[in-house]
């Protein structure tokens, strides 16, 4: 896939997510916090250093 196509797709995706955020605010629903932080620019500069993986098994 050409790099220019990837850039266009990413730009359109960000625009769609911003529109979805505005829509969710207007109808009184919550937008996912992680996505909102990426759109606001808080992430990726402020990402946690690691994430703990759930390794517990659900065997009984």
C-alpha atoms as a PDB file:
ATOM      1  CA  UNK A   1       0.000   0.000   0.000  1.00  0.00           C
ATOM      2  CA  UNK A   2       1.452   3.384  -0.948  1.00  0.00           C
ATOM      3  CA  UNK A   3       2.440   5.636   1.940  1.00  0.00           C
ATOM      4  CA  UNK A   4       0.229   8.445   0.634  1.00  0.00           C
ATOM      5  CA  UNK A   5      -2.830   6.153   0.795  1.00  0.00           C
ATOM      6  CA  UNK A   6      -2.009   5.260   4.401  1.00  0.00           C
ATOM      7  CA  UNK A   7      -1.704   8.942   5.312  1.00  0.00           C
ATOM      8  CA  UNK A   8      -5.053   9.710   3.660  1.00  0.00           C
ATOM      9  CA  UNK A   9      -6.719   6.803   5.460  1.00  0.00           C
ATOM     10  CA  UNK A  10      -5.303   7.925   8.815  1.00  0.00           C
ATOM     11  CA  UNK A  11      -6.469  11.503   8.223  1.00  0.00           C
ATOM     12  CA  UNK A  12      -9.987  10.347   7.362  1.00  0.00           C
ATOM     13  CA  UNK A  13     -10.073   8.022  10.362  1.00  0.00           C
ATOM     14  CA  UNK A  14      -9.099  10.834  12.737  1.00  0.00           C
ATOM     15  CA  UNK A  15     -11.729  13.104  11.192  1.00  0.00           C
ATOM     16  CA  UNK A  16     -14.387  10.393  11.595  1.00  0.00           C
ATOM     17  CA  UNK A  17     -13.422   9.810  15.239  1.00  0.00           C
ATOM     18  CA  UNK A  18     -13.655  13.536  15.987  1.00  0.00           C
ATOM     19  CA  UNK A  19     -17.089  13.668  14.382  1.00  0.00           C
ATOM     20  CA  UNK A  20     -18.156  10.636  16.433  1.00  0.00           C
ATOM     21  CA  UNK A  21     -16.899  12.319  19.602  1.00  0.00           C
ATOM     22  CA  UNK A  22     -18.966  15.429  18.844  1.00  0.00           C
ATOM     23  CA  UNK A  23     -22.027  13.299  18.127  1.00  0.00           C
ATOM     24  CA  UNK A  24     -21.634  11.334  21.361  1.00  0.00           C
ATOM     25  CA  UNK A  25     -21.361  14.574  23.360  1.00  0.00           C
ATOM     26  CA  UNK A  26     -24.512  15.981  21.723  1.00  0.00           C
ATOM     27  CA  UNK A  27     -26.633  12.947  22.522  1.00  0.00           C
ATOM     28  CA  UNK A  28     -25.291  12.692  26.068  1.00  0.00           C
ATOM     29  CA  UNK A  29     -23.241   9.510  25.723  1.00  0.00           C
ATOM     30  CA  UNK A  30     -19.615   8.991  26.654  1.00  0.00           C
ATOM     31  CA  UNK A  31     -16.810   8.582  24.135  1.00  0.00           C
ATOM     32  CA  UNK A  32     -14.041   6.083  25.007  1.00  0.00           C
ATOM     33  CA  UNK A  33     -11.455   7.823  27.200  1.00  0.00           C
ATOM     34  CA  UNK A  34      -8.420   6.253  25.520  1.00  0.00           C
ATOM     35  CA  UNK A  35      -9.581   7.344  22.065  1.00  0.00           C
ATOM     36  CA  UNK A  36     -10.362  10.828  23.354  1.00  0.00           C
ATOM     37  CA  UNK A  37      -6.842  11.090  24.809  1.00  0.00           C
ATOM     38  CA  UNK A  38      -5.257  10.093  21.496  1.00  0.00           C
ATOM     39  CA  UNK A  39      -7.344  12.684  19.639  1.00  0.00           C
ATOM     40  CA  UNK A  40      -6.460  15.414  22.139  1.00  0.00           C
ATOM     41  CA  UNK A  41      -2.732  14.679  21.814  1.00  0.00           C
ATOM     42  CA  UNK A  42      -2.258  13.445  25.386  1.00  0.00           C
ATOM     43  CA  UNK A  43      -1.213  10.072  23.948  1.00  0.00           C
ATOM     44  CA  UNK A  44       1.182   8.777  22.639  1.00  0.00           C
ATOM     45  CA  UNK A  45       3.585  11.138  24.437  1.00  0.00           C
ATOM     46  CA  UNK A  46       2.126  10.151  27.808  1.00  0.00           C
ATOM     47  CA  UNK A  47       1.591   6.406  27.358  1.00  0.00           C
ATOM     48  CA  UNK A  48       2.085   4.117  30.340  1.00  0.00           C
ATOM     49  CA  UNK A  49       5.461   2.361  30.316  1.00  0.00           C
ATOM     50  CA  UNK A  50       3.919  -1.105  30.361  1.00  0.00           C
ATOM     51  CA  UNK A  51       0.582  -2.786  30.567  1.00  0.00           C
ATOM     52  CA  UNK A  52      -0.052  -5.832  32.695  1.00  0.00           C
ATOM     53  CA  UNK A  53      -1.463  -8.722  30.767  1.00  0.00           C
ATOM     54  CA  UNK A  54      -4.208 -10.729  32.408  1.00  0.00           C
ATOM     55  CA  UNK A  55      -2.610 -14.134  32.796  1.00  0.00           C
ATOM     56  CA  UNK A  56      -5.169 -15.611  35.169  1.00  0.00           C
ATOM     57  CA  UNK A  57      -6.931 -18.613  33.721  1.00  0.00           C
ATOM     58  CA  UNK A  58     -10.657 -18.998  34.104  1.00  0.00           C
ATOM     59  CA  UNK A  59     -10.437 -22.731  34.765  1.00  0.00           C
ATOM     60  CA  UNK A  60     -12.571 -24.068  37.593  1.00  0.00           C
END
